[in-house]
Amino acid sequence: MATATTTATPDTELPSDPAGLVVTGAFTQSITVAWTPGTDNKGTVNTAVEVCTGSFACTAFSLRGTTSGNTYTVTGLTPSTNGQVRIKHIDGSGNVSANYSARVPFTTAATGTVLPRAPVSFSQPRLPRN
């Protein structure tokens, strides 16, 4: 009895190039970024987030994390830091997008930013009148 054998076709198609990268929040020790979700012929797309710090002209990017979503918070930054962030897409087979996103500059917030405190009590006890 003869049996049929199928061979899986390797995925060689690159995922889409990243687009729409924006910094949605800059805090004293982190930034939050968002982008347009990537696409791929096999469906799964992860995004690698890379950051360089020290100036707006920095070029030494390092990987800060990957996610399957379209937002990411980069932590471990220092206050008042200038830098740039960029992303690239990676599909489930390890194919990497042909290009990075545009580089987006950011500046983390300065130290000493004071957030409002919640009141301890909304009313003060009334003292009796004499």
C-alpha atoms as a PDB file:
ATOM      1  CA  MET A   1       0.000   0.000   0.000  1.00  0.00           C
ATOM      2  CA  ALA A   2       1.436   3.332  -1.033  1.00  0.00           C
ATOM      3  CA  THR A   3       1.217   6.350   1.269  1.00  0.00           C
ATOM      4  CA  ALA A   4       1.340   9.972   0.278  1.00  0.00           C
ATOM      5  CA  THR A   5       3.960  12.183   1.864  1.00  0.00           C
ATOM      6  CA  THR A   6       3.588  15.917   2.088  1.00  0.00           C
ATOM      7  CA  THR A   7       6.470  18.252   2.651  1.00  0.00           C
ATOM      8  CA  ALA A   8       5.847  21.563   4.366  1.00  0.00           C
ATOM      9  CA  THR A   9       6.875  24.509   2.263  1.00  0.00           C
ATOM     10  CA  PRO A  10       9.320  26.668   4.204  1.00  0.00           C
ATOM     11  CA  ASP A  11       8.183  30.210   4.988  1.00  0.00           C
ATOM     12  CA  THR A  12      10.553  32.543   3.192  1.00  0.00           C
ATOM     13  CA  GLU A  13       8.246  35.562   2.912  1.00  0.00           C
ATOM     14  CA  LEU A  14       9.226  38.521   5.081  1.00  0.00           C
ATOM     15  CA  PRO A  15       6.702  40.161   7.404  1.00  0.00           C
ATOM     16  CA  SER A  16       5.526  43.674   6.606  1.00  0.00           C
ATOM     17  CA  ASP A  17       7.778  46.630   7.329  1.00  0.00           C
ATOM     18  CA  PRO A  18       6.874  48.417  10.573  1.00  0.00           C
ATOM     19  CA  ALA A  19       4.819  51.600  10.380  1.00  0.00           C
ATOM     20  CA  GLY A  20       3.141  54.146  12.608  1.00  0.00           C
ATOM     21  CA  LEU A  21       5.579  54.061  15.547  1.00  0.00           C
ATOM     22  CA  VAL A  22       4.782  56.736  18.158  1.00  0.00           C
ATOM     23  CA  VAL A  23       5.812  57.416  21.745  1.00  0.00           C
ATOM     24  CA  THR A  24       2.540  57.503  23.669  1.00  0.00           C
ATOM     25  CA  GLY A  25       4.037  58.232  27.096  1.00  0.00           C
ATOM     26  CA  ALA A  26       7.352  59.419  28.546  1.00  0.00           C
ATOM     27  CA  PHE A  27       7.950  59.015  32.273  1.00  0.00           C
ATOM     28  CA  THR A  28      11.010  59.381  34.534  1.00  0.00           C
ATOM     29  CA  GLN A  29      12.240  55.819  33.986  1.00  0.00           C
ATOM     30  CA  SER A  30      10.227  54.490  31.056  1.00  0.00           C
ATOM     31  CA  ILE A  31       8.562  55.221  27.741  1.00  0.00           C
ATOM     32  CA  THR A  32       5.526  53.592  26.176  1.00  0.00           C
ATOM     33  CA  VAL A  33       5.366  53.117  22.406  1.00  0.00           C
ATOM     34  CA  ALA A  34       2.666  51.953  19.982  1.00  0.00           C
ATOM     35  CA  TRP A  35       2.586  51.092  16.256  1.00  0.00           C
ATOM     36  CA  THR A  36       0.439  49.733  13.463  1.00  0.00           C
ATOM     37  CA  PRO A  37       0.242  45.912  13.783  1.00  0.00           C
ATOM     38  CA  GLY A  38       2.420  43.969  11.327  1.00  0.00           C
ATOM     39  CA  THR A  39       1.238  41.360   8.851  1.00  0.00           C
ATOM     40  CA  ASP A  40       2.696  38.126   7.500  1.00  0.00           C
ATOM     41  CA  ASN A  41       1.587  35.422   5.085  1.00  0.00           C
ATOM     42  CA  LYS A  42       1.585  32.821   7.911  1.00  0.00           C
ATOM     43  CA  GLY A  43      -0.123  35.064  10.470  1.00  0.00           C
ATOM     44  CA  THR A  44       2.182  35.360  13.476  1.00  0.00           C
ATOM     45  CA  VAL A  45       4.134  38.602  13.816  1.00  0.00           C
ATOM     46  CA  ASN A  46       6.218  39.620  16.818  1.00  0.00           C
ATOM     47  CA  THR A  47       7.790  43.043  17.194  1.00  0.00           C
ATOM     48  CA  ALA A  48      11.297  43.730  18.492  1.00  0.00           C
ATOM     49  CA  VAL A  49      11.715  47.079  20.262  1.00  0.00           C
ATOM     50  CA  GLU A  50      15.175  48.662  20.160  1.00  0.00           C
ATOM     51  CA  VAL A  51      16.385  51.793  21.975  1.00  0.00           C
ATOM     52  CA  CYS A  52      19.499  53.955  21.956  1.00  0.00           C
ATOM     53  CA  THR A  53      20.121  56.654  24.536  1.00  0.00           C
ATOM     54  CA  GLY A  54      22.466  59.544  25.128  1.00  0.00           C
ATOM     55  CA  SER A  55      21.349  61.904  22.377  1.00  0.00           C
ATOM     56  CA  PHE A  56      18.864  62.315  19.559  1.00  0.00           C
ATOM     57  CA  ALA A  57      21.681  61.358  17.151  1.00  0.00           C
ATOM     58  CA  CYS A  58      22.607  58.074  18.872  1.00  0.00           C
ATOM     59  CA  THR A  59      23.181  55.010  16.690  1.00  0.00           C
ATOM     60  CA  ALA A  60      23.990  52.167  19.140  1.00  0.00           C
ATOM     61  CA  PHE A  61      20.558  50.532  19.402  1.00  0.00           C
ATOM     62  CA  SER A  62      20.002  47.619  21.769  1.00  0.00           C
ATOM     63  CA  LEU A  63      17.096  45.188  21.959  1.00  0.00           C
ATOM     64  CA  ARG A  64      14.829  46.037  24.898  1.00  0.00           C
ATOM     65  CA  GLY A  65      12.169  43.393  24.335  1.00  0.00           C
ATOM     66  CA  THR A  66       9.743  41.670  21.989  1.00  0.00           C
ATOM     67  CA  THR A  67       5.980  41.460  21.999  1.00  0.00           C
ATOM     68  CA  SER A  68       3.153  39.981  19.955  1.00  0.00           C
ATOM     69  CA  GLY A  69       1.041  43.076  20.645  1.00  0.00           C
ATOM     70  CA  ASN A  70       1.277  46.574  19.213  1.00  0.00           C
ATOM     71  CA  THR A  71       2.330  48.445  22.375  1.00  0.00           C
ATOM     72  CA  TYR A  72       5.352  48.109  24.629  1.00  0.00           C
ATOM     73  CA  THR A  73       6.758  49.848  27.706  1.00  0.00           C
ATOM     74  CA  VAL A  74      10.537  50.232  27.797  1.00  0.00           C
ATOM     75  CA  THR A  75      11.705  50.314  31.424  1.00  0.00           C
ATOM     76  CA  GLY A  76      15.050  50.896  33.107  1.00  0.00           C
ATOM     77  CA  LEU A  77      15.670  54.329  31.615  1.00  0.00           C
ATOM     78  CA  THR A  78      16.984  57.296  33.587  1.00  0.00           C
ATOM     79  CA  PRO A  79      15.300  60.671  34.113  1.00  0.00           C
ATOM     80  CA  SER A  80      15.912  63.448  31.553  1.00  0.00           C
ATOM     81  CA  THR A  81      17.361  61.009  28.996  1.00  0.00           C
ATOM     82  CA  ASN A  82      17.303  61.781  25.267  1.00  0.00           C
ATOM     83  CA  GLY A  83      17.170  58.862  22.870  1.00  0.00           C
ATOM     84  CA  GLN A  84      15.493  57.149  19.963  1.00  0.00           C
ATOM     85  CA  VAL A  85      13.326  54.073  19.599  1.00  0.00           C
ATOM     86  CA  ARG A  86      12.763  51.858  16.547  1.00  0.00           C
ATOM     87  CA  ILE A  87      11.064  48.529  15.834  1.00  0.00           C
ATOM     88  CA  LYS A  88      11.246  45.611  13.411  1.00  0.00           C
ATOM     89  CA  HIS A  89       8.830  42.748  12.775  1.00  0.00           C
ATOM     90  CA  ILE A  90       9.713  39.048  13.067  1.00  0.00           C
ATOM     91  CA  ASP A  91       7.424  36.274  11.823  1.00  0.00           C
ATOM     92  CA  GLY A  92       6.913  32.826  13.331  1.00  0.00           C
ATOM     93  CA  SER A  93       9.629  31.350  11.087  1.00  0.00           C
ATOM     94  CA  GLY A  94      12.230  33.904  12.164  1.00  0.00           C
ATOM     95  CA  ASN A  95      12.034  36.040   9.022  1.00  0.00           C
ATOM     96  CA  VAL A  96      12.755  39.699   9.800  1.00  0.00           C
ATOM     97  CA  SER A  97      11.124  42.685   8.096  1.00  0.00           C
ATOM     98  CA  ALA A  98      13.277  44.183   5.353  1.00  0.00           C
ATOM     99  CA  ASN A  99      13.392  47.559   7.110  1.00  0.00           C
ATOM    100  CA  TYR A 100      13.180  49.084  10.554  1.00  0.00           C
ATOM    101  CA  SER A 101      10.532  51.643  11.403  1.00  0.00           C
ATOM    102  CA  ALA A 102      11.446  55.291  11.306  1.00  0.00           C
ATOM    103  CA  ARG A 103      13.429  56.313  14.387  1.00  0.00           C
ATOM    104  CA  VAL A 104      11.335  58.238  16.890  1.00  0.00           C
ATOM    105  CA  PRO A 105      13.050  60.575  19.385  1.00  0.00           C
ATOM    106  CA  PHE A 106      12.040  60.719  23.042  1.00  0.00           C
ATOM    107  CA  THR A 107      13.010  62.423  26.291  1.00  0.00           C
ATOM    108  CA  THR A 108      12.153  60.858  29.629  1.00  0.00           C
ATOM    109  CA  ALA A 109      10.632  63.100  32.292  1.00  0.00           C
ATOM    110  CA  ALA A 110      12.871  64.925  34.756  1.00  0.00           C
ATOM    111  CA  THR A 111      13.118  63.891  38.395  1.00  0.00           C
ATOM    112  CA  GLY A 112      11.214  65.895  40.919  1.00  0.00           C
ATOM    113  CA  THR A 113       7.941  65.574  39.048  1.00  0.00           C
ATOM    114  CA  VAL A 114       5.432  65.596  41.871  1.00  0.00           C
ATOM    115  CA  LEU A 115       2.139  63.832  41.337  1.00  0.00           C
ATOM    116  CA  PRO A 116      -0.876  65.026  43.306  1.00  0.00           C
ATOM    117  CA  ARG A 117      -1.595  63.115  46.494  1.00  0.00           C
ATOM    118  CA  ALA A 118      -5.012  61.826  47.282  1.00  0.00           C
ATOM    119  CA  PRO A 119      -6.556  63.594  50.273  1.00  0.00           C
ATOM    120  CA  VAL A 120      -6.408  61.702  53.530  1.00  0.00           C
ATOM    121  CA  SER A 121      -9.872  62.871  54.494  1.00  0.00           C
ATOM    122  CA  PHE A 122     -12.548  64.706  52.566  1.00  0.00           C
ATOM    123  CA  SER A 123     -13.910  66.451  55.627  1.00  0.00           C
ATOM    124  CA  GLN A 124     -12.460  67.816  58.836  1.00  0.00           C
ATOM    125  CA  PRO A 125     -14.156  67.016  62.130  1.00  0.00           C
ATOM    126  CA  ARG A 126     -16.202  69.927  63.410  1.00  0.00           C
ATOM    127  CA  LEU A 127     -15.321  71.372  66.750  1.00  0.00           C
ATOM    128  CA  PRO A 128     -18.223  72.228  69.043  1.00  0.00           C
ATOM    129  CA  ARG A 129     -19.111  75.934  69.210  1.00  0.00           C
ATOM    130  CA  ASN A 130     -19.128  77.626  72.569  1.00  0.00           C
END
